[in-house]
Amino acid sequence: MKINQTILKEFILVGFSVYPQVQTFLFVVFFGLYLLTLTGNLAIMGLTWVDRSLHTPMYLFLSALSFSETCYTLTIIPRMLTDLLAKNRSISVIGCSLQMYFFLALGGTHTIILTVMGYDRFLAICNPLRYPLLMTSMVCGQLVASAWAVGFFISVTETALIFRGSFCSPNLVKHFFCHMRAVVRLSCLHSDLTEFTVTLISVSGLMGTFLLIVLTYVFILSTVLRIPSAEGKQKAFSTCASHLTVVIVHFGFASIVYLKPEASGGDDTLIAVPYTVITPFLSPLIFSLRNKDMKGAFRKVLGKTILLNK
């Protein structure tokens, strides 16, 4: 228990203020990456909406993934960009709790949708004849809705655990957003136990979804290897390549953030940048550049736009 401490009503997000000489440079870089992230995700959602050939489960899940990622980045990056140029980096306790809640909820939703996309590829490759019956539009909607429900349920549990008590001085959150580890350390009571509990929940969710994806790809690989023709194998692998690449990037950077031992040191602010800024930037890039259907849809829309302008 921390005693003789002032009960806090607001926090100060330390963020990148410890690197004052590069804050303007970081603002330019992060702002550029954020604009490209938004453009990529909005393009994926827009193309999926207007092109009827993309009205398939794989692209509906991709559109849902882009939407969750857009919302996810909106919870932290605009605030981070503002703080890079502002002198006052204070945030109320309520504002901090809301930011944490939506960050955890949307991050969890995003991870679960990635897992659902792996399940979709498993059905398409391992059960191609039954796939249209198993993965209908209604099932797609139910899976996406379930991903959002589970993500928000886990988030409300973690946020309630962290904010159930009061917080003590100093009010410095050593991060550029209200990251759960950085905030829970300011709790007046049982911060070690709470930190262990919320970290355990996050790591369990992360490892659980990752193991499910690994399991689906074990079945996919065993099925693909039984395909007699090299062309058939390549076609099957090509439908999974983008998803598998994003999974490796997403879980790789997330594991650095959530599996990093406390005693290992390092700046948590810098360590979180790849997971919160770089991964959302790479995801739409990978899905669009490595996808023939998406590139074809873009060319069709671009061609129609040019014809209309003429």
C-alpha atoms as a PDB file:
ATOM      1  CA  MET A   1       0.000   0.000   0.000  1.00  0.00           C
ATOM      2  CA  LYS A   2       1.194   3.467  -0.859  1.00  0.00           C
ATOM      3  CA  ILE A   3       0.524   5.962   1.942  1.00  0.00           C
ATOM      4  CA  ASN A   4       0.833   9.734   2.385  1.00  0.00           C
ATOM      5  CA  GLN A   5       0.290  10.269  -1.313  1.00  0.00           C
ATOM      6  CA  THR A   6      -1.971  12.728  -3.126  1.00  0.00           C
ATOM      7  CA  ILE A   7      -4.979  11.108  -4.795  1.00  0.00           C
ATOM      8  CA  LEU A   8      -4.796  11.852  -8.517  1.00  0.00           C
ATOM      9  CA  LYS A   9      -7.467  13.306 -10.784  1.00  0.00           C
ATOM     10  CA  GLU A  10      -5.312  13.563 -13.887  1.00  0.00           C
ATOM     11  CA  PHE A  11      -2.206  12.046 -15.427  1.00  0.00           C
ATOM     12  CA  ILE A  12       0.671  13.482 -17.434  1.00  0.00           C
ATOM     13  CA  LEU A  13       1.598  11.435 -20.501  1.00  0.00           C
ATOM     14  CA  VAL A  14       5.390  11.604 -20.580  1.00  0.00           C
ATOM     15  CA  GLY A  15       5.593  10.027 -24.027  1.00  0.00           C
ATOM     16  CA  PHE A  16       8.329  11.371 -26.267  1.00  0.00           C
ATOM     17  CA  SER A  17       8.970  14.473 -24.138  1.00  0.00           C
ATOM     18  CA  VAL A  18      12.173  12.755 -22.986  1.00  0.00           C
ATOM     19  CA  TYR A  19      13.398  13.173 -26.573  1.00  0.00           C
ATOM     20  CA  PRO A  20      12.707  16.908 -27.140  1.00  0.00           C
ATOM     21  CA  GLN A  21      15.263  17.245 -29.922  1.00  0.00           C
ATOM     22  CA  VAL A  22      13.422  14.804 -32.243  1.00  0.00           C
ATOM     23  CA  GLN A  23       9.772  15.503 -31.420  1.00  0.00           C
ATOM     24  CA  THR A  24       9.110  17.534 -34.585  1.00  0.00           C
ATOM     25  CA  PHE A  25      10.792  14.873 -36.711  1.00  0.00           C
ATOM     26  CA  LEU A  26       8.730  12.139 -35.027  1.00  0.00           C
ATOM     27  CA  PHE A  27       5.548  14.138 -35.625  1.00  0.00           C
ATOM     28  CA  VAL A  28       6.254  14.345 -39.362  1.00  0.00           C
ATOM     29  CA  VAL A  29       7.106  10.634 -39.612  1.00  0.00           C
ATOM     30  CA  PHE A  30       4.160   9.408 -37.522  1.00  0.00           C
ATOM     31  CA  PHE A  31       1.716  11.789 -39.213  1.00  0.00           C
ATOM     32  CA  GLY A  32       2.800  10.534 -42.643  1.00  0.00           C
ATOM     33  CA  LEU A  33       2.483   6.888 -41.581  1.00  0.00           C
ATOM     34  CA  TYR A  34      -0.930   7.567 -40.035  1.00  0.00           C
ATOM     35  CA  LEU A  35      -2.260   9.186 -43.222  1.00  0.00           C
ATOM     36  CA  LEU A  36      -1.021   6.233 -45.274  1.00  0.00           C
ATOM     37  CA  THR A  37      -2.590   3.814 -42.758  1.00  0.00           C
ATOM     38  CA  LEU A  38      -5.952   5.559 -42.971  1.00  0.00           C
ATOM     39  CA  THR A  39      -5.767   5.729 -46.766  1.00  0.00           C
ATOM     40  CA  GLY A  40      -4.941   2.037 -47.067  1.00  0.00           C
ATOM     41  CA  ASN A  41      -7.684   0.858 -44.719  1.00  0.00           C
ATOM     42  CA  LEU A  42     -10.325   3.182 -46.202  1.00  0.00           C
ATOM     43  CA  ALA A  43      -9.338   1.998 -49.686  1.00  0.00           C
ATOM     44  CA  ILE A  44      -9.788  -1.658 -48.682  1.00  0.00           C
ATOM     45  CA  MET A  45     -13.197  -0.937 -47.125  1.00  0.00           C
ATOM     46  CA  GLY A  46     -14.273   1.178 -50.101  1.00  0.00           C
ATOM     47  CA  LEU A  47     -13.193  -1.354 -52.737  1.00  0.00           C
ATOM     48  CA  THR A  48     -14.879  -4.198 -50.855  1.00  0.00           C
ATOM     49  CA  TRP A  49     -18.069  -2.151 -50.720  1.00  0.00           C
ATOM     50  CA  VAL A  50     -18.241  -1.080 -54.398  1.00  0.00           C
ATOM     51  CA  ASP A  51     -16.863  -4.174 -56.150  1.00  0.00           C
ATOM     52  CA  ARG A  52     -19.361  -7.049 -56.079  1.00  0.00           C
ATOM     53  CA  SER A  53     -16.649  -9.569 -56.962  1.00  0.00           C
ATOM     54  CA  LEU A  54     -15.150  -8.886 -53.531  1.00  0.00           C
ATOM     55  CA  HIS A  55     -18.391  -9.710 -51.706  1.00  0.00           C
ATOM     56  CA  THR A  56     -16.945 -12.985 -50.441  1.00  0.00           C
ATOM     57  CA  PRO A  57     -16.205 -14.076 -46.856  1.00  0.00           C
ATOM     58  CA  MET A  58     -12.444 -13.519 -47.203  1.00  0.00           C
ATOM     59  CA  TYR A  59     -12.855  -9.883 -48.257  1.00  0.00           C
ATOM     60  CA  LEU A  60     -15.714  -9.217 -45.842  1.00  0.00           C
ATOM     61  CA  PHE A  61     -13.400 -10.298 -43.027  1.00  0.00           C
ATOM     62  CA  LEU A  62     -10.616  -8.167 -44.511  1.00  0.00           C
ATOM     63  CA  SER A  63     -12.954  -5.171 -44.574  1.00  0.00           C
ATOM     64  CA  ALA A  64     -13.943  -5.838 -40.955  1.00  0.00           C
ATOM     65  CA  LEU A  65     -10.248  -6.069 -40.053  1.00  0.00           C
ATOM     66  CA  SER A  66      -9.540  -2.723 -41.742  1.00  0.00           C
ATOM     67  CA  PHE A  67     -12.453  -1.106 -39.907  1.00  0.00           C
ATOM     68  CA  SER A  68     -11.294  -2.368 -36.505  1.00  0.00           C
ATOM     69  CA  GLU A  69      -7.749  -1.233 -37.273  1.00  0.00           C
ATOM     70  CA  THR A  70      -8.963   2.239 -38.281  1.00  0.00           C
ATOM     71  CA  CYS A  71     -10.858   2.581 -35.002  1.00  0.00           C
ATOM     72  CA  TYR A  72      -7.906   1.116 -33.088  1.00  0.00           C
ATOM     73  CA  THR A  73      -5.450   3.706 -34.394  1.00  0.00           C
ATOM     74  CA  LEU A  74      -7.957   6.519 -33.809  1.00  0.00           C
ATOM     75  CA  THR A  75      -7.873   5.823 -30.074  1.00  0.00           C
ATOM     76  CA  ILE A  76      -4.192   6.669 -29.641  1.00  0.00           C
ATOM     77  CA  ILE A  77      -2.403   8.160 -32.660  1.00  0.00           C
ATOM     78  CA  PRO A  78      -4.253  11.529 -32.939  1.00  0.00           C
ATOM     79  CA  ARG A  79      -3.613  12.126 -29.231  1.00  0.00           C
ATOM     80  CA  MET A  80       0.036  11.101 -29.637  1.00  0.00           C
ATOM     81  CA  LEU A  81       0.493  13.509 -32.554  1.00  0.00           C
ATOM     82  CA  THR A  82      -1.074  16.345 -30.551  1.00  0.00           C
ATOM     83  CA  ASP A  83       1.202  15.663 -27.572  1.00  0.00           C
ATOM     84  CA  LEU A  84       4.290  15.720 -29.784  1.00  0.00           C
ATOM     85  CA  LEU A  85       3.624  19.422 -30.441  1.00  0.00           C
ATOM     86  CA  ALA A  86       1.892  20.401 -27.176  1.00  0.00           C
ATOM     87  CA  LYS A  87       3.376  21.467 -23.857  1.00  0.00           C
ATOM     88  CA  ASN A  88       0.384  20.365 -21.786  1.00  0.00           C
ATOM     89  CA  ARG A  89       0.165  16.561 -21.922  1.00  0.00           C
ATOM     90  CA  SER A  90      -2.345  16.073 -19.129  1.00  0.00           C
ATOM     91  CA  ILE A  91      -5.267  13.674 -19.410  1.00  0.00           C
ATOM     92  CA  SER A  92      -8.034  13.161 -16.866  1.00  0.00           C
ATOM     93  CA  VAL A  93      -8.383   9.832 -15.089  1.00  0.00           C
ATOM     94  CA  ILE A  94     -11.745   9.296 -16.832  1.00  0.00           C
ATOM     95  CA  GLY A  95     -10.255  10.201 -20.202  1.00  0.00           C
ATOM     96  CA  CYS A  96      -7.385   7.812 -19.551  1.00  0.00           C
ATOM     97  CA  SER A  97      -9.742   4.979 -18.637  1.00  0.00           C
ATOM     98  CA  LEU A  98     -11.785   5.525 -21.811  1.00  0.00           C
ATOM     99  CA  GLN A  99      -8.677   5.555 -23.989  1.00  0.00           C
ATOM    100  CA  MET A 100      -7.421   2.354 -22.372  1.00  0.00           C
ATOM    101  CA  TYR A 101     -10.830   0.706 -22.662  1.00  0.00           C
ATOM    102  CA  PHE A 102     -11.192   1.368 -26.391  1.00  0.00           C
ATOM    103  CA  PHE A 103      -7.531   0.592 -27.118  1.00  0.00           C
ATOM    104  CA  LEU A 104      -7.754  -2.820 -25.417  1.00  0.00           C
ATOM    105  CA  ALA A 105     -11.207  -3.546 -26.859  1.00  0.00           C
ATOM    106  CA  LEU A 106     -10.303  -2.694 -30.445  1.00  0.00           C
ATOM    107  CA  GLY A 107      -6.887  -4.343 -30.178  1.00  0.00           C
ATOM    108  CA  GLY A 108      -8.553  -7.514 -28.911  1.00  0.00           C
ATOM    109  CA  THR A 109     -11.217  -7.354 -31.618  1.00  0.00           C
ATOM    110  CA  HIS A 110      -8.523  -6.932 -34.263  1.00  0.00           C
ATOM    111  CA  THR A 111      -6.636  -9.986 -32.987  1.00  0.00           C
ATOM    112  CA  ILE A 112      -9.781 -12.141 -32.893  1.00  0.00           C
ATOM    113  CA  ILE A 113     -10.741 -11.138 -36.455  1.00  0.00           C
ATOM    114  CA  LEU A 114      -7.253 -12.191 -37.584  1.00  0.00           C
ATOM    115  CA  THR A 115      -7.955 -15.554 -35.958  1.00  0.00           C
ATOM    116  CA  VAL A 116     -11.347 -15.798 -37.664  1.00  0.00           C
ATOM    117  CA  MET A 117      -9.658 -15.080 -41.005  1.00  0.00           C
ATOM    118  CA  GLY A 118      -7.370 -18.047 -40.359  1.00  0.00           C
ATOM    119  CA  TYR A 119     -10.436 -20.214 -39.685  1.00  0.00           C
ATOM    120  CA  ASP A 120     -11.981 -18.958 -42.938  1.00  0.00           C
ATOM    121  CA  ARG A 121      -8.860 -20.005 -44.906  1.00  0.00           C
ATOM    122  CA  PHE A 122      -8.937 -23.381 -43.129  1.00  0.00           C
ATOM    123  CA  LEU A 123     -12.507 -24.046 -44.268  1.00  0.00           C
ATOM    124  CA  ALA A 124     -11.847 -22.812 -47.804  1.00  0.00           C
ATOM    125  CA  ILE A 125      -8.804 -25.059 -48.320  1.00  0.00           C
ATOM    126  CA  CYS A 126      -9.592 -28.087 -46.160  1.00  0.00           C
ATOM    127  CA  ASN A 127     -13.364 -28.245 -46.873  1.00  0.00           C
ATOM    128  CA  PRO A 128     -13.797 -26.576 -50.304  1.00  0.00           C
ATOM    129  CA  LEU A 129     -17.018 -28.394 -51.212  1.00  0.00           C
ATOM    130  CA  ARG A 130     -18.795 -27.510 -47.966  1.00  0.00           C
ATOM    131  CA  TYR A 131     -17.240 -24.041 -47.680  1.00  0.00           C
ATOM    132  CA  PRO A 132     -20.171 -22.139 -49.318  1.00  0.00           C
ATOM    133  CA  LEU A 133     -22.591 -23.835 -46.921  1.00  0.00           C
ATOM    134  CA  LEU A 134     -20.441 -23.367 -43.821  1.00  0.00           C
ATOM    135  CA  MET A 135     -19.298 -19.777 -44.417  1.00  0.00           C
ATOM    136  CA  THR A 136     -22.446 -17.896 -45.407  1.00  0.00           C
ATOM    137  CA  SER A 137     -22.919 -14.132 -45.119  1.00  0.00           C
ATOM    138  CA  MET A 138     -24.892 -14.648 -41.909  1.00  0.00           C
ATOM    139  CA  VAL A 139     -22.100 -16.751 -40.385  1.00  0.00           C
ATOM    140  CA  CYS A 140     -19.571 -14.083 -41.395  1.00  0.00           C
ATOM    141  CA  GLY A 141     -21.633 -11.420 -39.640  1.00  0.00           C
ATOM    142  CA  GLN A 142     -22.019 -13.560 -36.529  1.00  0.00           C
ATOM    143  CA  LEU A 143     -18.272 -14.243 -36.337  1.00  0.00           C
ATOM    144  CA  VAL A 144     -17.392 -10.555 -36.694  1.00  0.00           C
ATOM    145  CA  ALA A 145     -20.012  -9.560 -34.118  1.00  0.00           C
ATOM    146  CA  SER A 146     -18.656 -12.210 -31.738  1.00  0.00           C
ATOM    147  CA  ALA A 147     -15.129 -10.853 -32.215  1.00  0.00           C
ATOM    148  CA  TRP A 148     -16.305  -7.376 -31.213  1.00  0.00           C
ATOM    149  CA  ALA A 149     -18.308  -8.701 -28.246  1.00  0.00           C
ATOM    150  CA  VAL A 150     -15.401 -10.765 -26.873  1.00  0.00           C
ATOM    151  CA  GLY A 151     -12.906  -7.940 -27.434  1.00  0.00           C
ATOM    152  CA  PHE A 152     -15.027  -5.418 -25.547  1.00  0.00           C
ATOM    153  CA  PHE A 153     -15.874  -7.870 -22.757  1.00  0.00           C
ATOM    154  CA  ILE A 154     -12.203  -8.632 -22.064  1.00  0.00           C
ATOM    155  CA  SER A 155     -11.398  -4.929 -22.220  1.00  0.00           C
ATOM    156  CA  VAL A 156     -14.065  -3.912 -19.706  1.00  0.00           C
ATOM    157  CA  THR A 157     -12.745  -6.594 -17.340  1.00  0.00           C
ATOM    158  CA  GLU A 158      -9.145  -5.373 -17.550  1.00  0.00           C
ATOM    159  CA  THR A 159     -10.056  -1.676 -17.392  1.00  0.00           C
ATOM    160  CA  ALA A 160     -12.324  -2.230 -14.365  1.00  0.00           C
ATOM    161  CA  LEU A 161      -9.513  -4.070 -12.541  1.00  0.00           C
ATOM    162  CA  ILE A 162      -7.065  -1.218 -13.163  1.00  0.00           C
ATOM    163  CA  PHE A 163      -9.409   1.686 -12.373  1.00  0.00           C
ATOM    164  CA  ARG A 164     -11.335   0.123  -9.477  1.00  0.00           C
ATOM    165  CA  GLY A 165      -9.211   2.031  -6.921  1.00  0.00           C
ATOM    166  CA  SER A 166      -7.525   5.410  -6.677  1.00  0.00           C
ATOM    167  CA  PHE A 167      -4.137   6.502  -7.998  1.00  0.00           C
ATOM    168  CA  CYS A 168      -1.252   8.094  -6.118  1.00  0.00           C
ATOM    169  CA  SER A 169       1.515  10.536  -6.991  1.00  0.00           C
ATOM    170  CA  PRO A 170       3.600  10.919  -9.008  1.00  0.00           C
ATOM    171  CA  ASN A 171       1.083  11.288 -11.820  1.00  0.00           C
ATOM    172  CA  LEU A 172       3.571  10.599 -14.638  1.00  0.00           C
ATOM    173  CA  VAL A 173       2.481   7.904 -17.096  1.00  0.00           C
ATOM    174  CA  LYS A 174       5.696   6.824 -18.756  1.00  0.00           C
ATOM    175  CA  HIS A 175       4.114   6.221 -22.128  1.00  0.00           C
ATOM    176  CA  PHE A 176       2.531   8.149 -25.036  1.00  0.00           C
ATOM    177  CA  PHE A 177      -0.915   6.725 -24.244  1.00  0.00           C
ATOM    178  CA  CYS A 178      -2.661   5.118 -21.286  1.00  0.00           C
ATOM    179  CA  HIS A 179      -1.002   1.737 -21.560  1.00  0.00           C
ATOM    180  CA  MET A 180      -2.254  -0.618 -18.882  1.00  0.00           C
ATOM    181  CA  ARG A 181       1.189  -1.469 -17.455  1.00  0.00           C
ATOM    182  CA  ALA A 182       2.206   2.185 -17.214  1.00  0.00           C
ATOM    183  CA  VAL A 183      -1.069   3.203 -15.517  1.00  0.00           C
ATOM    184  CA  VAL A 184      -1.462   0.280 -13.109  1.00  0.00           C
ATOM    185  CA  ARG A 185       1.900   1.090 -11.521  1.00  0.00           C
ATOM    186  CA  LEU A 186       0.355   4.338 -10.224  1.00  0.00           C
ATOM    187  CA  SER A 187      -2.404   2.511  -8.364  1.00  0.00           C
ATOM    188  CA  CYS A 188      -2.447   3.103  -4.606  1.00  0.00           C
ATOM    189  CA  LEU A 189      -3.305  -0.513  -3.738  1.00  0.00           C
ATOM    190  CA  HIS A 190      -1.987  -3.907  -4.841  1.00  0.00           C
ATOM    191  CA  SER A 191      -0.504  -2.624  -8.100  1.00  0.00           C
ATOM    192  CA  ASP A 192       1.754  -5.684  -8.498  1.00  0.00           C
ATOM    193  CA  LEU A 193      -1.141  -8.125  -8.225  1.00  0.00           C
ATOM    194  CA  THR A 194      -3.321  -6.080 -10.579  1.00  0.00           C
ATOM    195  CA  GLU A 195      -0.503  -5.741 -13.097  1.00  0.00           C
ATOM    196  CA  PHE A 196       0.087  -9.495 -12.993  1.00  0.00           C
ATOM    197  CA  THR A 197      -3.642 -10.214 -13.444  1.00  0.00           C
ATOM    198  CA  VAL A 198      -4.239  -7.895 -16.420  1.00  0.00           C
ATOM    199  CA  THR A 199      -0.974  -8.954 -18.052  1.00  0.00           C
ATOM    200  CA  LEU A 200      -1.971 -12.609 -17.612  1.00  0.00           C
ATOM    201  CA  ILE A 201      -5.353 -11.923 -19.259  1.00  0.00           C
ATOM    202  CA  SER A 202      -3.701 -10.143 -22.205  1.00  0.00           C
ATOM    203  CA  VAL A 203      -0.962 -12.740 -22.666  1.00  0.00           C
ATOM    204  CA  SER A 204      -3.491 -15.591 -22.429  1.00  0.00           C
ATOM    205  CA  GLY A 205      -5.649 -13.971 -25.086  1.00  0.00           C
ATOM    206  CA  LEU A 206      -2.657 -13.274 -27.295  1.00  0.00           C
ATOM    207  CA  MET A 207      -1.180 -16.773 -26.980  1.00  0.00           C
ATOM    208  CA  GLY A 208      -4.583 -18.444 -27.248  1.00  0.00           C
ATOM    209  CA  THR A 209      -5.472 -16.760 -30.547  1.00  0.00           C
ATOM    210  CA  PHE A 210      -1.945 -17.309 -31.886  1.00  0.00           C
ATOM    211  CA  LEU A 211      -2.074 -21.038 -31.090  1.00  0.00           C
ATOM    212  CA  LEU A 212      -5.472 -21.310 -32.811  1.00  0.00           C
ATOM    213  CA  ILE A 213      -4.013 -19.699 -35.936  1.00  0.00           C
ATOM    214  CA  VAL A 214      -0.997 -22.020 -35.800  1.00  0.00           C
ATOM    215  CA  LEU A 215      -3.360 -25.001 -35.501  1.00  0.00           C
ATOM    216  CA  THR A 216      -5.394 -23.896 -38.541  1.00  0.00           C
ATOM    217  CA  TYR A 217      -2.210 -23.522 -40.591  1.00  0.00           C
ATOM    218  CA  VAL A 218      -1.021 -26.986 -39.556  1.00  0.00           C
ATOM    219  CA  PHE A 219      -4.226 -28.408 -41.068  1.00  0.00           C
ATOM    220  CA  ILE A 220      -3.930 -26.115 -44.094  1.00  0.00           C
ATOM    221  CA  LEU A 221      -0.327 -27.180 -44.700  1.00  0.00           C
ATOM    222  CA  SER A 222      -1.154 -30.877 -44.405  1.00  0.00           C
ATOM    223  CA  THR A 223      -4.001 -30.429 -46.921  1.00  0.00           C
ATOM    224  CA  VAL A 224      -1.934 -28.391 -49.379  1.00  0.00           C
ATOM    225  CA  LEU A 225       0.921 -30.902 -49.350  1.00  0.00           C
ATOM    226  CA  ARG A 226      -1.548 -33.587 -50.508  1.00  0.00           C
ATOM    227  CA  ILE A 227      -2.469 -31.553 -53.609  1.00  0.00           C
ATOM    228  CA  PRO A 228      -0.808 -33.380 -56.545  1.00  0.00           C
ATOM    229  CA  SER A 229      -0.075 -30.416 -58.849  1.00  0.00           C
ATOM    230  CA  ALA A 230       2.469 -27.690 -58.118  1.00  0.00           C
ATOM    231  CA  GLU A 231       0.062 -25.110 -59.562  1.00  0.00           C
ATOM    232  CA  GLY A 232      -2.663 -26.192 -57.135  1.00  0.00           C
ATOM    233  CA  LYS A 233      -0.270 -25.927 -54.196  1.00  0.00           C
ATOM    234  CA  GLN A 234       0.855 -22.461 -55.262  1.00  0.00           C
ATOM    235  CA  LYS A 235      -2.736 -21.269 -55.695  1.00  0.00           C
ATOM    236  CA  ALA A 236      -3.688 -22.544 -52.225  1.00  0.00           C
ATOM    237  CA  PHE A 237      -0.647 -20.966 -50.580  1.00  0.00           C
ATOM    238  CA  SER A 238      -1.238 -17.648 -52.371  1.00  0.00           C
ATOM    239  CA  THR A 239      -4.640 -17.243 -50.713  1.00  0.00           C
ATOM    240  CA  CYS A 240      -2.948 -17.472 -47.294  1.00  0.00           C
ATOM    241  CA  ALA A 241       0.279 -15.553 -47.919  1.00  0.00           C
ATOM    242  CA  SER A 242      -0.994 -12.077 -47.030  1.00  0.00           C
ATOM    243  CA  HIS A 243      -2.839 -13.251 -43.925  1.00  0.00           C
ATOM    244  CA  LEU A 244       0.132 -15.266 -42.692  1.00  0.00           C
ATOM    245  CA  THR A 245       2.497 -12.312 -43.216  1.00  0.00           C
ATOM    246  CA  VAL A 246       0.233  -9.965 -41.239  1.00  0.00           C
ATOM    247  CA  VAL A 247      -0.147 -12.565 -38.473  1.00  0.00           C
ATOM    248  CA  ILE A 248       3.641 -12.842 -38.121  1.00  0.00           C
ATOM    249  CA  VAL A 249       4.052  -9.048 -38.018  1.00  0.00           C
ATOM    250  CA  HIS A 250       1.110  -8.505 -35.628  1.00  0.00           C
ATOM    251  CA  PHE A 251       1.940 -11.234 -33.110  1.00  0.00           C
ATOM    252  CA  GLY A 252       5.671 -10.653 -33.408  1.00  0.00           C
ATOM    253  CA  PHE A 253       5.449  -6.996 -32.381  1.00  0.00           C
ATOM    254  CA  ALA A 254       2.677  -7.682 -29.829  1.00  0.00           C
ATOM    255  CA  SER A 255       4.802 -10.329 -28.115  1.00  0.00           C
ATOM    256  CA  ILE A 256       7.632  -7.807 -27.704  1.00  0.00           C
ATOM    257  CA  VAL A 257       5.238  -5.481 -25.863  1.00  0.00           C
ATOM    258  CA  TYR A 258       3.359  -7.984 -23.690  1.00  0.00           C
ATOM    259  CA  LEU A 259       5.945 -10.732 -23.139  1.00  0.00           C
ATOM    260  CA  LYS A 260       8.853  -8.420 -22.299  1.00  0.00           C
ATOM    261  CA  PRO A 261      10.138  -9.264 -18.805  1.00  0.00           C
ATOM    262  CA  GLU A 262       9.959  -6.422 -16.296  1.00  0.00           C
ATOM    263  CA  ALA A 263      13.654  -6.742 -15.460  1.00  0.00           C
ATOM    264  CA  SER A 264      14.781  -6.551 -19.093  1.00  0.00           C
ATOM    265  CA  GLY A 265      14.700  -2.738 -19.106  1.00  0.00           C
ATOM    266  CA  GLY A 266      14.198  -0.709 -22.275  1.00  0.00           C
ATOM    267  CA  ASP A 267      11.976   2.233 -23.048  1.00  0.00           C
ATOM    268  CA  ASP A 268       8.345   1.040 -23.166  1.00  0.00           C
ATOM    269  CA  THR A 269       7.443   4.084 -25.260  1.00  0.00           C
ATOM    270  CA  LEU A 270       9.830   3.135 -28.064  1.00  0.00           C
ATOM    271  CA  ILE A 271       9.042  -0.574 -27.770  1.00  0.00           C
ATOM    272  CA  ALA A 272       5.312   0.131 -28.340  1.00  0.00           C
ATOM    273  CA  VAL A 273       5.851   2.137 -31.564  1.00  0.00           C
ATOM    274  CA  PRO A 274       6.140  -0.902 -33.897  1.00  0.00           C
ATOM    275  CA  TYR A 275       2.939  -2.426 -32.458  1.00  0.00           C
ATOM    276  CA  THR A 276       0.850   0.760 -32.446  1.00  0.00           C
ATOM    277  CA  VAL A 277       2.181   2.633 -35.512  1.00  0.00           C
ATOM    278  CA  ILE A 278       4.185   0.336 -37.797  1.00  0.00           C
ATOM    279  CA  THR A 279       1.915  -2.742 -37.718  1.00  0.00           C
ATOM    280  CA  PRO A 280      -1.280  -0.808 -38.657  1.00  0.00           C
ATOM    281  CA  PHE A 281       0.692   0.814 -41.496  1.00  0.00           C
ATOM    282  CA  LEU A 282       2.024  -2.491 -42.850  1.00  0.00           C
ATOM    283  CA  SER A 283      -1.247  -4.443 -42.604  1.00  0.00           C
ATOM    284  CA  PRO A 284      -3.243  -2.730 -45.426  1.00  0.00           C
ATOM    285  CA  LEU A 285      -0.046  -2.484 -47.475  1.00  0.00           C
ATOM    286  CA  ILE A 286       0.519  -6.245 -47.311  1.00  0.00           C
ATOM    287  CA  PHE A 287      -3.117  -7.129 -47.996  1.00  0.00           C
ATOM    288  CA  SER A 288      -3.357  -4.790 -50.990  1.00  0.00           C
ATOM    289  CA  LEU A 289       0.045  -5.265 -52.648  1.00  0.00           C
ATOM    290  CA  ARG A 290       0.009  -9.063 -52.373  1.00  0.00           C
ATOM    291  CA  ASN A 291      -3.597  -9.474 -53.515  1.00  0.00           C
ATOM    292  CA  LYS A 292      -4.479  -9.728 -57.212  1.00  0.00           C
ATOM    293  CA  ASP A 293      -8.233  -9.312 -56.642  1.00  0.00           C
ATOM    294  CA  MET A 294      -7.734  -6.137 -54.620  1.00  0.00           C
ATOM    295  CA  LYS A 295      -5.381  -4.673 -57.225  1.00  0.00           C
ATOM    296  CA  GLY A 296      -7.821  -5.647 -59.988  1.00  0.00           C
ATOM    297  CA  ALA A 297     -10.706  -3.963 -58.154  1.00  0.00           C
ATOM    298  CA  PHE A 298      -8.603  -0.821 -57.755  1.00  0.00           C
ATOM    299  CA  ARG A 299      -7.825  -0.735 -61.493  1.00  0.00           C
ATOM    300  CA  LYS A 300     -11.533  -1.122 -62.335  1.00  0.00           C
ATOM    301  CA  VAL A 301     -12.549   1.720 -60.017  1.00  0.00           C
ATOM    302  CA  LEU A 302      -9.711   3.875 -61.345  1.00  0.00           C
ATOM    303  CA  GLY A 303     -10.730   3.106 -64.938  1.00  0.00           C
ATOM    304  CA  LYS A 304     -14.374   4.028 -64.262  1.00  0.00           C
ATOM    305  CA  THR A 305     -13.285   7.260 -62.585  1.00  0.00           C
ATOM    306  CA  ILE A 306     -11.132   8.222 -65.584  1.00  0.00           C
ATOM    307  CA  LEU A 307     -14.002   7.475 -67.998  1.00  0.00           C
ATOM    308  CA  LEU A 308     -16.435   9.597 -65.945  1.00  0.00           C
ATOM    309  CA  ASN A 309     -13.989  12.510 -65.904  1.00  0.00           C
ATOM    310  CA  LYS A 310     -13.703  12.356 -69.696  1.00  0.00           C
END
